[in-house]
N, C-alpha and C. Protein backbone atom coordinates (compact mmCIF):
# COMPACT_ATOMS: atom_id res chain seq x y z
N UNK A 1 -141.21 9.78 -62.76
CA UNK A 1 -141.88 8.91 -63.68
C UNK A 1 -142.28 9.68 -64.93
N UNK A 2 -142.46 8.92 -66.00
CA UNK A 2 -142.76 9.53 -67.29
C UNK A 2 -143.76 8.67 -68.06
N UNK A 3 -144.74 9.31 -68.65
CA UNK A 3 -145.76 8.59 -69.43
C UNK A 3 -145.16 8.13 -70.76
N UNK A 4 -145.42 6.92 -71.14
CA UNK A 4 -144.94 6.39 -72.41
C UNK A 4 -145.73 6.99 -73.58
N UNK A 5 -147.06 7.04 -73.48
CA UNK A 5 -147.88 7.53 -74.57
C UNK A 5 -147.83 9.05 -74.73
N UNK A 6 -147.82 9.77 -73.65
CA UNK A 6 -147.87 11.23 -73.76
C UNK A 6 -149.24 11.66 -74.25
N UNK A 7 -149.28 12.38 -75.35
CA UNK A 7 -150.54 12.85 -75.92
C UNK A 7 -151.20 11.70 -76.68
N UNK A 8 -152.44 11.37 -76.33
CA UNK A 8 -153.13 10.26 -76.98
C UNK A 8 -154.14 10.73 -78.02
N UNK A 9 -154.25 12.03 -78.23
CA UNK A 9 -155.21 12.57 -79.20
C UNK A 9 -154.74 12.23 -80.61
N UNK A 10 -155.64 11.67 -81.42
CA UNK A 10 -155.31 11.32 -82.80
C UNK A 10 -155.83 12.41 -83.73
N UNK A 11 -155.13 12.65 -84.83
CA UNK A 11 -155.55 13.73 -85.73
C UNK A 11 -156.78 13.36 -86.54
N UNK A 12 -157.56 14.39 -86.89
CA UNK A 12 -158.73 14.21 -87.74
C UNK A 12 -158.41 14.47 -89.21
N UNK A 13 -157.40 15.30 -89.44
CA UNK A 13 -157.01 15.63 -90.81
C UNK A 13 -155.51 15.89 -90.82
N UNK A 14 -154.84 15.45 -91.89
CA UNK A 14 -153.39 15.63 -92.01
C UNK A 14 -153.06 16.30 -93.33
N UNK A 15 -152.13 17.25 -93.26
CA UNK A 15 -151.65 17.97 -94.44
C UNK A 15 -150.15 17.71 -94.58
N UNK A 16 -149.71 17.39 -95.79
CA UNK A 16 -148.31 17.08 -96.05
C UNK A 16 -147.72 18.05 -97.07
N UNK A 17 -146.42 18.25 -96.97
CA UNK A 17 -145.71 19.20 -97.83
C UNK A 17 -145.94 18.92 -99.32
N UNK A 18 -146.06 17.68 -99.72
CA UNK A 18 -146.24 17.32 -101.12
C UNK A 18 -147.63 17.61 -101.66
N UNK A 19 -148.57 18.05 -100.80
CA UNK A 19 -149.91 18.37 -101.25
C UNK A 19 -150.96 17.33 -100.88
N UNK A 20 -150.56 16.27 -100.21
CA UNK A 20 -151.51 15.23 -99.83
C UNK A 20 -152.29 15.65 -98.59
N UNK A 21 -153.59 15.39 -98.62
CA UNK A 21 -154.47 15.67 -97.49
C UNK A 21 -155.20 14.38 -97.15
N UNK A 22 -155.04 13.91 -95.92
CA UNK A 22 -155.73 12.71 -95.44
C UNK A 22 -156.86 13.12 -94.51
N UNK A 23 -158.06 12.63 -94.79
CA UNK A 23 -159.25 12.99 -94.03
C UNK A 23 -159.81 11.73 -93.38
N UNK A 24 -160.03 11.78 -92.08
CA UNK A 24 -160.56 10.61 -91.38
C UNK A 24 -162.05 10.45 -91.63
N UNK A 25 -162.55 9.28 -91.30
CA UNK A 25 -163.97 8.99 -91.49
C UNK A 25 -164.86 9.88 -90.63
N UNK A 26 -164.34 10.33 -89.50
CA UNK A 26 -165.12 11.20 -88.63
C UNK A 26 -165.50 12.50 -89.32
N UNK A 27 -164.52 13.14 -89.95
CA UNK A 27 -164.79 14.39 -90.68
C UNK A 27 -165.64 14.08 -91.91
N UNK A 28 -165.33 13.01 -92.61
CA UNK A 28 -166.08 12.65 -93.81
C UNK A 28 -167.56 12.44 -93.49
N UNK A 29 -167.83 11.83 -92.37
CA UNK A 29 -169.21 11.57 -91.97
C UNK A 29 -169.91 12.88 -91.61
N UNK A 30 -169.24 13.74 -90.88
CA UNK A 30 -169.84 15.00 -90.45
C UNK A 30 -170.12 15.95 -91.61
N UNK A 31 -169.24 15.94 -92.62
CA UNK A 31 -169.42 16.81 -93.79
C UNK A 31 -170.10 16.09 -94.95
N UNK A 32 -170.42 14.81 -94.76
CA UNK A 32 -171.07 14.00 -95.79
C UNK A 32 -170.25 13.99 -97.10
N UNK A 33 -168.95 13.69 -96.97
CA UNK A 33 -168.05 13.65 -98.12
C UNK A 33 -168.21 12.33 -98.85
N UNK A 34 -168.26 12.39 -100.19
CA UNK A 34 -168.34 11.21 -101.04
C UNK A 34 -167.23 11.28 -102.09
N UNK A 35 -166.96 10.16 -102.74
CA UNK A 35 -165.95 10.12 -103.80
C UNK A 35 -166.25 11.20 -104.85
N UNK A 36 -165.25 12.01 -105.15
CA UNK A 36 -165.39 13.03 -106.18
C UNK A 36 -165.75 14.41 -105.66
N UNK A 37 -166.13 14.52 -104.37
CA UNK A 37 -166.42 15.84 -103.81
C UNK A 37 -165.14 16.67 -103.73
N UNK A 38 -165.27 17.98 -103.85
CA UNK A 38 -164.13 18.89 -103.79
C UNK A 38 -164.19 19.65 -102.48
N UNK A 39 -163.10 19.63 -101.73
CA UNK A 39 -163.05 20.34 -100.45
C UNK A 39 -162.32 21.66 -100.63
N UNK A 40 -162.50 22.53 -99.67
CA UNK A 40 -161.81 23.82 -99.65
C UNK A 40 -161.72 24.26 -98.20
N UNK A 41 -160.90 25.26 -97.96
CA UNK A 41 -160.75 25.83 -96.62
C UNK A 41 -161.03 27.31 -96.72
N UNK A 42 -161.83 27.80 -95.80
CA UNK A 42 -162.12 29.22 -95.74
C UNK A 42 -161.54 29.76 -94.43
N UNK A 43 -160.92 30.94 -94.52
CA UNK A 43 -160.35 31.57 -93.34
C UNK A 43 -161.23 32.73 -92.94
N UNK A 44 -161.62 32.74 -91.68
CA UNK A 44 -162.42 33.84 -91.14
C UNK A 44 -161.74 34.30 -89.87
N UNK A 45 -161.18 35.51 -89.92
CA UNK A 45 -160.37 36.05 -88.84
C UNK A 45 -159.22 35.08 -88.56
N UNK A 46 -159.14 34.50 -87.37
CA UNK A 46 -158.03 33.58 -87.06
C UNK A 46 -158.44 32.12 -87.18
N UNK A 47 -159.66 31.86 -87.61
CA UNK A 47 -160.19 30.50 -87.71
C UNK A 47 -160.12 29.97 -89.13
N UNK A 48 -159.86 28.67 -89.25
CA UNK A 48 -159.87 27.98 -90.53
C UNK A 48 -160.99 26.94 -90.50
N UNK A 49 -161.77 26.90 -91.59
CA UNK A 49 -162.90 25.98 -91.68
C UNK A 49 -162.79 25.14 -92.94
N UNK A 50 -162.98 23.84 -92.80
CA UNK A 50 -163.00 22.91 -93.92
C UNK A 50 -164.45 22.71 -94.33
N UNK A 51 -164.71 22.78 -95.64
CA UNK A 51 -166.07 22.57 -96.13
C UNK A 51 -166.02 21.91 -97.50
N UNK A 52 -167.15 21.41 -97.94
CA UNK A 52 -167.25 20.81 -99.27
C UNK A 52 -167.63 21.92 -100.23
N UNK A 53 -166.72 22.22 -101.14
CA UNK A 53 -166.93 23.31 -102.09
C UNK A 53 -167.88 22.90 -103.21
N UNK A 54 -167.73 21.66 -103.69
CA UNK A 54 -168.59 21.18 -104.77
C UNK A 54 -168.86 19.69 -104.57
N UNK A 55 -170.07 19.30 -104.80
CA UNK A 55 -170.46 17.89 -104.69
C UNK A 55 -170.16 17.16 -106.00
N UNK A 56 -169.89 15.87 -105.89
CA UNK A 56 -169.51 15.07 -107.06
C UNK A 56 -170.60 15.06 -108.12
N UNK A 57 -171.84 15.27 -107.72
CA UNK A 57 -172.94 15.27 -108.69
C UNK A 57 -173.00 16.55 -109.51
N UNK A 58 -172.32 17.60 -109.04
CA UNK A 58 -172.39 18.91 -109.70
C UNK A 58 -171.17 19.24 -110.55
N UNK A 59 -170.16 18.38 -110.56
CA UNK A 59 -168.93 18.72 -111.28
C UNK A 59 -168.64 17.72 -112.39
N UNK A 60 -167.86 18.17 -113.34
CA UNK A 60 -167.41 17.33 -114.44
C UNK A 60 -165.90 17.47 -114.53
N UNK A 61 -165.21 16.37 -114.69
CA UNK A 61 -163.77 16.40 -114.86
C UNK A 61 -163.01 16.35 -113.55
N UNK A 62 -161.71 16.60 -113.66
CA UNK A 62 -160.83 16.56 -112.50
C UNK A 62 -160.71 17.96 -111.89
N UNK A 63 -160.58 17.98 -110.56
CA UNK A 63 -160.47 19.24 -109.84
C UNK A 63 -159.39 19.13 -108.76
N UNK A 64 -158.82 20.25 -108.40
CA UNK A 64 -157.89 20.30 -107.29
C UNK A 64 -158.67 20.04 -106.01
N UNK A 65 -158.08 19.30 -105.08
CA UNK A 65 -158.67 18.97 -103.78
C UNK A 65 -159.91 18.09 -103.90
N UNK A 66 -159.94 17.26 -104.93
CA UNK A 66 -161.03 16.32 -105.11
C UNK A 66 -160.76 15.10 -104.23
N UNK A 67 -161.75 14.65 -103.50
CA UNK A 67 -161.60 13.56 -102.54
C UNK A 67 -161.89 12.20 -103.16
N UNK A 68 -161.07 11.24 -102.77
CA UNK A 68 -161.28 9.84 -103.17
C UNK A 68 -160.99 8.96 -101.98
N UNK A 69 -161.76 7.89 -101.81
CA UNK A 69 -161.56 7.00 -100.68
C UNK A 69 -160.20 6.31 -100.80
N UNK A 70 -159.61 6.05 -99.66
CA UNK A 70 -158.27 5.46 -99.65
C UNK A 70 -158.30 3.97 -99.98
N UNK A 71 -159.41 3.32 -99.69
CA UNK A 71 -159.60 1.90 -100.00
C UNK A 71 -161.04 1.71 -100.45
N UNK A 72 -161.29 0.61 -101.07
CA UNK A 72 -162.66 0.31 -101.49
C UNK A 72 -163.58 0.22 -100.27
N UNK A 73 -164.71 0.88 -100.36
CA UNK A 73 -165.71 0.93 -99.28
C UNK A 73 -165.18 1.55 -97.98
N UNK A 74 -164.17 2.38 -98.08
CA UNK A 74 -163.63 3.06 -96.91
C UNK A 74 -164.25 4.45 -96.78
N UNK A 75 -164.38 4.93 -95.57
CA UNK A 75 -164.87 6.29 -95.33
C UNK A 75 -163.71 7.24 -95.07
N UNK A 76 -162.46 6.77 -95.17
CA UNK A 76 -161.30 7.65 -95.10
C UNK A 76 -161.01 8.15 -96.50
N UNK A 77 -160.72 9.44 -96.61
CA UNK A 77 -160.53 10.04 -97.92
C UNK A 77 -159.16 10.69 -98.04
N UNK A 78 -158.74 10.86 -99.28
CA UNK A 78 -157.49 11.53 -99.60
C UNK A 78 -157.76 12.52 -100.72
N UNK A 79 -157.15 13.69 -100.59
CA UNK A 79 -157.25 14.73 -101.62
C UNK A 79 -155.84 15.28 -101.83
N UNK A 80 -155.65 16.00 -102.92
CA UNK A 80 -154.35 16.62 -103.21
C UNK A 80 -154.54 18.08 -103.58
N UNK A 81 -153.84 18.94 -102.84
CA UNK A 81 -153.83 20.37 -103.14
C UNK A 81 -152.61 21.00 -102.49
N UNK A 82 -151.66 21.38 -103.31
CA UNK A 82 -150.45 22.04 -102.80
C UNK A 82 -150.79 23.38 -102.16
N UNK A 83 -151.76 24.08 -102.73
CA UNK A 83 -152.11 25.40 -102.19
C UNK A 83 -152.74 25.31 -100.80
N UNK A 84 -153.65 24.36 -100.60
CA UNK A 84 -154.25 24.20 -99.28
C UNK A 84 -153.21 23.76 -98.25
N UNK A 85 -152.37 22.82 -98.64
CA UNK A 85 -151.33 22.34 -97.72
C UNK A 85 -150.35 23.44 -97.36
N UNK A 86 -149.93 24.22 -98.34
CA UNK A 86 -148.99 25.31 -98.07
C UNK A 86 -149.59 26.33 -97.09
N UNK A 87 -150.86 26.65 -97.24
CA UNK A 87 -151.51 27.61 -96.36
C UNK A 87 -151.59 27.08 -94.93
N UNK A 88 -151.96 25.81 -94.77
CA UNK A 88 -152.08 25.23 -93.43
C UNK A 88 -150.70 25.04 -92.79
N UNK A 89 -149.73 24.58 -93.56
CA UNK A 89 -148.39 24.39 -93.01
C UNK A 89 -147.79 25.73 -92.57
N UNK A 90 -148.04 26.78 -93.32
CA UNK A 90 -147.55 28.10 -92.93
C UNK A 90 -148.23 28.56 -91.64
N UNK A 91 -149.51 28.32 -91.54
CA UNK A 91 -150.25 28.71 -90.33
C UNK A 91 -149.77 27.94 -89.11
N UNK A 92 -149.40 26.68 -89.31
CA UNK A 92 -148.94 25.82 -88.20
C UNK A 92 -147.44 25.94 -87.95
N UNK A 93 -146.75 26.76 -88.74
CA UNK A 93 -145.29 26.93 -88.63
C UNK A 93 -144.57 25.58 -88.73
N UNK A 94 -144.96 24.81 -89.73
CA UNK A 94 -144.37 23.50 -89.96
C UNK A 94 -143.90 23.39 -91.40
N UNK A 95 -142.83 22.64 -91.61
CA UNK A 95 -142.31 22.47 -92.96
C UNK A 95 -142.80 21.19 -93.64
N UNK A 96 -142.99 20.12 -92.86
CA UNK A 96 -143.28 18.82 -93.44
C UNK A 96 -144.74 18.39 -93.36
N UNK A 97 -145.32 18.45 -92.17
CA UNK A 97 -146.69 17.98 -92.04
C UNK A 97 -147.39 18.65 -90.87
N UNK A 98 -148.70 18.68 -90.98
CA UNK A 98 -149.55 19.19 -89.91
C UNK A 98 -150.68 18.18 -89.72
N UNK A 99 -150.76 17.64 -88.53
CA UNK A 99 -151.82 16.69 -88.19
C UNK A 99 -152.71 17.38 -87.16
N UNK A 100 -153.93 17.71 -87.59
CA UNK A 100 -154.77 18.59 -86.79
C UNK A 100 -156.04 17.90 -86.29
N UNK A 101 -156.46 18.27 -85.09
CA UNK A 101 -157.79 17.86 -84.64
C UNK A 101 -158.83 18.81 -85.22
N UNK A 102 -160.04 18.36 -85.28
CA UNK A 102 -161.13 19.20 -85.78
C UNK A 102 -161.98 19.65 -84.60
N UNK A 103 -162.61 20.78 -84.80
CA UNK A 103 -163.50 21.33 -83.77
C UNK A 103 -164.94 20.96 -84.07
N UNK A 104 -165.80 21.94 -83.89
CA UNK A 104 -167.23 21.70 -84.04
C UNK A 104 -167.72 22.03 -85.44
N UNK A 105 -168.85 21.45 -85.77
CA UNK A 105 -169.54 21.74 -87.02
C UNK A 105 -170.23 23.10 -86.87
N UNK A 106 -170.09 23.93 -87.90
CA UNK A 106 -170.76 25.22 -87.93
C UNK A 106 -171.43 25.39 -89.29
N UNK A 107 -172.36 26.32 -89.34
CA UNK A 107 -173.00 26.65 -90.61
C UNK A 107 -172.52 28.03 -91.02
N UNK A 108 -171.68 28.09 -92.05
CA UNK A 108 -171.12 29.35 -92.52
C UNK A 108 -171.99 29.91 -93.63
N UNK A 109 -172.40 31.14 -93.45
CA UNK A 109 -173.24 31.78 -94.46
C UNK A 109 -172.47 31.90 -95.77
N UNK A 110 -173.05 31.41 -96.84
CA UNK A 110 -172.41 31.45 -98.15
C UNK A 110 -171.55 30.24 -98.46
N UNK A 111 -171.25 29.42 -97.45
CA UNK A 111 -170.40 28.25 -97.65
C UNK A 111 -171.08 26.95 -97.26
N UNK A 112 -172.04 27.00 -96.38
CA UNK A 112 -172.74 25.81 -95.93
C UNK A 112 -172.12 25.21 -94.69
N UNK A 113 -172.27 23.92 -94.53
CA UNK A 113 -171.75 23.21 -93.37
C UNK A 113 -170.24 23.14 -93.44
N UNK A 114 -169.59 23.47 -92.34
CA UNK A 114 -168.13 23.46 -92.27
C UNK A 114 -167.71 22.94 -90.91
N UNK A 115 -166.45 22.57 -90.82
CA UNK A 115 -165.90 22.11 -89.55
C UNK A 115 -164.62 22.89 -89.27
N UNK A 116 -164.48 23.37 -88.05
CA UNK A 116 -163.30 24.18 -87.72
C UNK A 116 -162.08 23.29 -87.54
N UNK A 117 -160.94 23.81 -87.97
CA UNK A 117 -159.66 23.12 -87.82
C UNK A 117 -158.87 23.82 -86.73
N UNK A 118 -158.35 23.06 -85.80
CA UNK A 118 -157.61 23.64 -84.68
C UNK A 118 -156.13 23.70 -85.08
N UNK A 119 -155.75 24.80 -85.69
CA UNK A 119 -154.41 24.93 -86.28
C UNK A 119 -153.32 25.18 -85.23
N UNK A 120 -153.70 25.61 -84.03
CA UNK A 120 -152.66 25.86 -83.02
C UNK A 120 -152.34 24.60 -82.21
N UNK A 121 -152.86 23.45 -82.62
CA UNK A 121 -152.60 22.19 -81.94
C UNK A 121 -152.12 21.13 -82.94
N UNK A 122 -150.96 21.34 -83.50
CA UNK A 122 -150.38 20.41 -84.46
C UNK A 122 -149.91 19.17 -83.71
N UNK A 123 -150.57 18.05 -83.92
CA UNK A 123 -150.26 16.82 -83.18
C UNK A 123 -149.02 16.10 -83.67
N UNK A 124 -148.42 16.55 -84.77
CA UNK A 124 -147.24 15.87 -85.29
C UNK A 124 -145.95 16.33 -84.61
N UNK A 125 -146.05 17.25 -83.71
CA UNK A 125 -144.85 17.72 -83.00
C UNK A 125 -144.55 16.87 -81.81
């Protein structure tokens, strides 16, 4: 016998070769992401952490990896950054996309609240 569904875990964040980053409402809620916030990823040893680099109230103009809701009144966000996507895709050994689950919230000194990305569990495979 064989399971039809297989892995039922859904991704929390997706990175695409073209630079698109899709963020679910779960991560947005935990990091308190709002329209116009800028995200970044910090690498510490073998771990990758997603955090809000700049809040929309503190910036002026357009920025790389700036988040915008996918629909009106939606808590799902989309950002664009070829550099962030290239780094994650290289880490996941993928050419097209990486759909990753998120780990726990941590407080990184110098960066603030962050959430770990589980890069060794690419759900798009």
